[in-house]
Structures are given as structure tokens and as C-alpha cells.
């Protein structure tokens, strides 16, 4: 494995950048889904309040 990195020294930077990209995408998707769940809960509470008030 170290022979591969000796042959292509920029390979480790490419692997690190791909890892950083996947991590960034994961964080964005995870936080976006959390906000979506929060807004669904908030809209559910609003509809419950509207139904209970005459």
C-alpha cells in the first residue's frame, strides 16, 4: 500500500478531499432532514390548535 502512495503522492490528497466531500454532503443532508422534521411537527401543532379553537 505504501508503494502505491510512493508512486502517486497526490493520491492521498485526492482521497482526503473525497472523504471531506462525502462528510460535507452527509452533514448537509442530516441537518436538512432535521429541519424538515421540525417544521412538520410545528405545522402539526398549528393544525391541532386551529381545530380545537371554535
PDB file of N, CA and C in Angstrom:
ATOM      1  N   UNK A   1       0.832  -1.193   0.000  1.00  0.00           N
ATOM      2  CA  UNK A   1       0.000   0.000   0.000  1.00  0.00           C
ATOM      3  C   UNK A   1       0.876   1.255   0.000  1.00  0.00           C
ATOM      4  N   UNK A   2       1.953   1.218   0.779  1.00  0.00           N
ATOM      5  CA  UNK A   2       2.827   2.394   0.812  1.00  0.00           C
ATOM      6  C   UNK A   2       3.538   2.588  -0.526  1.00  0.00           C
ATOM      7  N   UNK A   3       3.729   1.493  -1.273  1.00  0.00           N
ATOM      8  CA  UNK A   3       4.317   1.621  -2.608  1.00  0.00           C
ATOM      9  C   UNK A   3       3.391   2.426  -3.519  1.00  0.00           C
ATOM     10  N   UNK A   4       2.097   2.236  -3.341  1.00  0.00           N
ATOM     11  CA  UNK A   4       1.128   2.983  -4.142  1.00  0.00           C
ATOM     12  C   UNK A   4       1.221   4.478  -3.849  1.00  0.00           C
ATOM     13  N   UNK A   5       1.344   4.827  -2.574  1.00  0.00           N
ATOM     14  CA  UNK A   5       1.462   6.243  -2.210  1.00  0.00           C
ATOM     15  C   UNK A   5       2.815   6.817  -2.613  1.00  0.00           C
ATOM     16  N   UNK A   6       3.846   5.971  -2.626  1.00  0.00           N
ATOM     17  CA  UNK A   6       5.144   6.431  -3.105  1.00  0.00           C
ATOM     18  C   UNK A   6       5.103   6.694  -4.603  1.00  0.00           C
ATOM     19  N   UNK A   7       4.363   5.866  -5.317  1.00  0.00           N
ATOM     20  CA  UNK A   7       4.246   6.015  -6.768  1.00  0.00           C
ATOM     21  C   UNK A   7       3.400   7.235  -7.142  1.00  0.00           C
ATOM     22  N   UNK A   8       2.302   7.433  -6.398  1.00  0.00           N
ATOM     23  CA  UNK A   8       1.386   8.546  -6.665  1.00  0.00           C
ATOM     24  C   UNK A   8       1.194   9.348  -5.373  1.00  0.00           C
ATOM     25  N   UNK A   9       2.060  10.300  -5.089  1.00  0.00           N
ATOM     26  CA  UNK A   9       1.957  11.031  -3.806  1.00  0.00           C
ATOM     27  C   UNK A   9       0.709  11.902  -3.691  1.00  0.00           C
ATOM     28  N   UNK A  10       0.127  12.308  -4.808  1.00  0.00           N
ATOM     29  CA  UNK A  10      -1.073  13.149  -4.738  1.00  0.00           C
ATOM     30  C   UNK A  10      -2.328  12.321  -4.470  1.00  0.00           C
ATOM     31  N   UNK A  11      -2.212  11.015  -4.494  1.00  0.00           N
ATOM     32  CA  UNK A  11      -3.367  10.152  -4.268  1.00  0.00           C
ATOM     33  C   UNK A  11      -3.942  10.344  -2.866  1.00  0.00           C
ATOM     34  N   UNK A  12      -3.094  10.547  -1.891  1.00  0.00           N
ATOM     35  CA  UNK A  12      -3.586  10.726  -0.526  1.00  0.00           C
ATOM     36  C   UNK A  12      -4.386  12.028  -0.400  1.00  0.00           C
ATOM     37  N   UNK A  13      -3.988  13.069  -1.134  1.00  0.00           N
ATOM     38  CA  UNK A  13      -4.761  14.317  -1.112  1.00  0.00           C
ATOM     39  C   UNK A  13      -6.106  14.135  -1.810  1.00  0.00           C
ATOM     40  N   UNK A  14      -6.127  13.354  -2.866  1.00  0.00           N
ATOM     41  CA  UNK A  14      -7.387  13.092  -3.553  1.00  0.00           C
ATOM     42  C   UNK A  14      -8.331  12.293  -2.656  1.00  0.00           C
ATOM     43  N   UNK A  15      -7.808  11.303  -1.965  1.00  0.00           N
ATOM     44  CA  UNK A  15      -8.643  10.524  -1.050  1.00  0.00           C
ATOM     45  C   UNK A  15      -9.158  11.381   0.105  1.00  0.00           C
ATOM     46  N   UNK A  16      -8.314  12.242   0.615  1.00  0.00           N
ATOM     47  CA  UNK A  16      -8.731  13.121   1.707  1.00  0.00           C
ATOM     48  C   UNK A  16      -9.802  14.102   1.248  1.00  0.00           C
ATOM     49  N   UNK A  17      -9.670  14.626   0.043  1.00  0.00           N
ATOM     50  CA  UNK A  17     -10.677  15.561  -0.451  1.00  0.00           C
ATOM     51  C   UNK A  17     -12.008  14.860  -0.714  1.00  0.00           C
ATOM     52  N   UNK A  18     -11.959  13.621  -1.198  1.00  0.00           N
ATOM     53  CA  UNK A  18     -13.204  12.871  -1.384  1.00  0.00           C
ATOM     54  C   UNK A  18     -13.885  12.581  -0.050  1.00  0.00           C
ATOM     55  N   UNK A  19     -13.097  12.241   0.940  1.00  0.00           N
ATOM     56  CA  UNK A  19     -13.650  11.997   2.271  1.00  0.00           C
ATOM     57  C   UNK A  19     -14.290  13.267   2.825  1.00  0.00           C
ATOM     58  N   UNK A  20     -13.636  14.406   2.639  1.00  0.00           N
ATOM     59  CA  UNK A  20     -14.193  15.675   3.116  1.00  0.00           C
ATOM     60  C   UNK A  20     -15.488  16.015   2.375  1.00  0.00           C
ATOM     61  N   UNK A  21     -15.534  15.731   1.080  1.00  0.00           N
ATOM     62  CA  UNK A  21     -16.748  15.997   0.303  1.00  0.00           C
ATOM     63  C   UNK A  21     -17.909  15.139   0.779  1.00  0.00           C
ATOM     64  N   UNK A  22     -17.670  13.846   0.988  1.00  0.00           N
ATOM     65  CA  UNK A  22     -18.732  12.969   1.475  1.00  0.00           C
ATOM     66  C   UNK A  22     -19.189  13.379   2.871  1.00  0.00           C
ATOM     67  N   UNK A  23     -18.259  13.805   3.704  1.00  0.00           N
ATOM     68  CA  UNK A  23     -18.621  14.253   5.040  1.00  0.00           C
ATOM     69  C   UNK A  23     -19.478  15.515   4.980  1.00  0.00           C
ATOM     70  N   UNK A  24     -19.125  16.439   4.105  1.00  0.00           N
ATOM     71  CA  UNK A  24     -19.912  17.661   3.934  1.00  0.00           C
ATOM     72  C   UNK A  24     -21.321  17.342   3.460  1.00  0.00           C
ATOM     73  N   UNK A  25     -21.446  16.468   2.487  1.00  0.00           N
ATOM     74  CA  UNK A  25     -22.766  16.087   1.972  1.00  0.00           C
ATOM     75  C   UNK A  25     -23.590  15.418   3.061  1.00  0.00           C
ATOM     76  N   UNK A  26     -22.958  14.539   3.843  1.00  0.00           N
ATOM     77  CA  UNK A  26     -23.662  13.857   4.926  1.00  0.00           C
ATOM     78  C   UNK A  26     -24.183  14.857   5.956  1.00  0.00           C
ATOM     79  N   UNK A  27     -23.363  15.825   6.326  1.00  0.00           N
ATOM     80  CA  UNK A  27     -23.778  16.809   7.328  1.00  0.00           C
ATOM     81  C   UNK A  27     -24.931  17.667   6.805  1.00  0.00           C
ATOM     82  N   UNK A  28     -24.864  18.075   5.546  1.00  0.00           N
ATOM     83  CA  UNK A  28     -25.926  18.902   4.970  1.00  0.00           C
ATOM     84  C   UNK A  28     -27.234  18.128   4.905  1.00  0.00           C
ATOM     85  N   UNK A  29     -27.192  16.881   4.466  1.00  0.00           N
ATOM     86  CA  UNK A  29     -28.414  16.070   4.372  1.00  0.00           C
ATOM     87  C   UNK A  29     -28.990  15.810   5.753  1.00  0.00           C
ATOM     88  N   UNK A  30     -28.120  15.530   6.720  1.00  0.00           N
ATOM     89  CA  UNK A  30     -28.574  15.232   8.071  1.00  0.00           C
ATOM     90  C   UNK A  30     -29.242  16.452   8.699  1.00  0.00           C
ATOM     91  N   UNK A  31     -28.642  17.616   8.558  1.00  0.00           N
ATOM     92  CA  UNK A  31     -29.247  18.801   9.152  1.00  0.00           C
ATOM     93  C   UNK A  31     -30.510  19.224   8.413  1.00  0.00           C
ATOM     94  N   UNK A  32     -30.554  19.039   7.113  1.00  0.00           N
ATOM     95  CA  UNK A  32     -31.757  19.395   6.353  1.00  0.00           C
ATOM     96  C   UNK A  32     -32.920  18.494   6.738  1.00  0.00           C
ATOM     97  N   UNK A  33     -32.673  17.219   6.974  1.00  0.00           N
ATOM     98  CA  UNK A  33     -33.759  16.321   7.374  1.00  0.00           C
ATOM     99  C   UNK A  33     -34.253  16.659   8.776  1.00  0.00           C
ATOM    100  N   UNK A  34     -33.374  17.113   9.647  1.00  0.00           N
ATOM    101  CA  UNK A  34     -33.787  17.524  10.992  1.00  0.00           C
ATOM    102  C   UNK A  34     -34.680  18.737  10.952  1.00  0.00           C
ATOM    103  N   UNK A  35     -34.369  19.697  10.088  1.00  0.00           N
ATOM    104  CA  UNK A  35     -35.208  20.881   9.968  1.00  0.00           C
ATOM    105  C   UNK A  35     -36.553  20.525   9.370  1.00  0.00           C
ATOM    106  N   UNK A  36     -36.576  19.572   8.450  1.00  0.00           N
ATOM    107  CA  UNK A  36     -37.830  19.156   7.835  1.00  0.00           C
ATOM    108  C   UNK A  36     -38.734  18.507   8.882  1.00  0.00           C
ATOM    109  N   UNK A  37     -38.157  17.694   9.769  1.00  0.00           N
ATOM    110  CA  UNK A  37     -38.948  17.055  10.815  1.00  0.00           C
ATOM    111  C   UNK A  37     -39.502  18.089  11.787  1.00  0.00           C
ATOM    112  N   UNK A  38     -38.692  19.125  12.084  1.00  0.00           N
ATOM    113  CA  UNK A  38     -39.149  20.172  12.998  1.00  0.00           C
ATOM    114  C   UNK A  38     -40.316  20.942  12.416  1.00  0.00           C
ATOM    115  N   UNK A  39     -40.258  21.262  11.138  1.00  0.00           N
ATOM    116  CA  UNK A  39     -41.343  22.027  10.527  1.00  0.00           C
ATOM    117  C   UNK A  39     -42.607  21.185  10.434  1.00  0.00           C
ATOM    118  N   UNK A  40     -42.478  19.890  10.244  1.00  0.00           N
ATOM    119  CA  UNK A  40     -43.659  19.028  10.215  1.00  0.00           C
ATOM    120  C   UNK A  40     -44.312  18.993  11.588  1.00  0.00           C
ATOM    121  N   UNK A  41     -43.502  18.932  12.647  1.00  0.00           N
ATOM    122  CA  UNK A  41     -44.058  18.939  13.994  1.00  0.00           C
ATOM    123  C   UNK A  41     -44.738  20.269  14.284  1.00  0.00           C
ATOM    124  N   UNK A  42     -44.106  21.355  13.854  1.00  0.00           N
ATOM    125  CA  UNK A  42     -44.675  22.681  14.096  1.00  0.00           C
ATOM    126  C   UNK A  42     -45.976  22.865  13.322  1.00  0.00           C
ATOM    127  N   UNK A  43     -46.039  22.404  12.091  1.00  0.00           N
ATOM    128  CA  UNK A  43     -47.269  22.544  11.318  1.00  0.00           C
ATOM    129  C   UNK A  43     -48.362  21.634  11.884  1.00  0.00           C
ATOM    130  N   UNK A  44     -47.990  20.500  12.436  1.00  0.00           N
ATOM    131  CA  UNK A  44     -48.962  19.625  13.075  1.00  0.00           C
ATOM    132  C   UNK A  44     -49.552  20.264  14.315  1.00  0.00           C
ATOM    133  N   UNK A  45     -48.741  20.977  15.073  1.00  0.00           N
ATOM    134  CA  UNK A  45     -49.237  21.667  16.258  1.00  0.00           C
ATOM    135  C   UNK A  45     -50.163  22.811  15.872  1.00  0.00           C
ATOM    136  N   UNK A  46     -49.844  23.517  14.806  1.00  0.00           N
ATOM    137  CA  UNK A  46     -50.693  24.612  14.359  1.00  0.00           C
ATOM    138  C   UNK A  46     -52.068  24.095  13.915  1.00  0.00           C
ATOM    139  N   UNK A  47     -52.094  22.980  13.214  1.00  0.00           N
ATOM    140  CA  UNK A  47     -53.371  22.451  12.754  1.00  0.00           C
ATOM    141  C   UNK A  47     -54.191  21.927  13.939  1.00  0.00           C
ATOM    142  N   UNK A  48     -53.527  21.370  14.966  1.00  0.00           N
ATOM    143  CA  UNK A  48     -54.238  20.939  16.158  1.00  0.00           C
ATOM    144  C   UNK A  48     -54.852  22.125  16.884  1.00  0.00           C
ATOM    145  N   UNK A  49     -54.116  23.237  16.969  1.00  0.00           N
ATOM    146  CA  UNK A  49     -54.629  24.424  17.637  1.00  0.00           C
ATOM    147  C   UNK A  49     -55.800  25.011  16.881  1.00  0.00           C
ATOM    148  N   UNK A  50     -55.741  24.988  15.569  1.00  0.00           N
ATOM    149  CA  UNK A  50     -56.834  25.538  14.777  1.00  0.00           C
ATOM    150  C   UNK A  50     -58.094  24.690  14.901  1.00  0.00           C
ATOM    151  N   UNK A  51     -57.959  23.398  15.015  1.00  0.00           N
ATOM    152  CA  UNK A  51     -59.121  22.524  15.137  1.00  0.00           C
ATOM    153  C   UNK A  51     -59.763  22.634  16.510  1.00  0.00           C
ATOM    154  N   UNK A  52     -58.956  22.852  17.552  1.00  0.00           N
ATOM    155  CA  UNK A  52     -59.516  22.899  18.900  1.00  0.00           C
ATOM    156  C   UNK A  52     -60.184  24.239  19.188  1.00  0.00           C
ATOM    157  N   UNK A  53     -59.815  25.290  18.471  1.00  0.00           N
ATOM    158  CA  UNK A  53     -60.437  26.599  18.695  1.00  0.00           C
ATOM    159  C   UNK A  53     -61.680  26.735  17.812  1.00  0.00           C
ATOM    160  N   UNK A  54     -62.807  27.148  18.418  1.00  0.00           N
ATOM    161  CA  UNK A  54     -64.040  27.316  17.615  1.00  0.00           C
ATOM    162  C   UNK A  54     -64.035  28.588  16.821  1.00  0.00           C
TER     163      UNK A  54
END
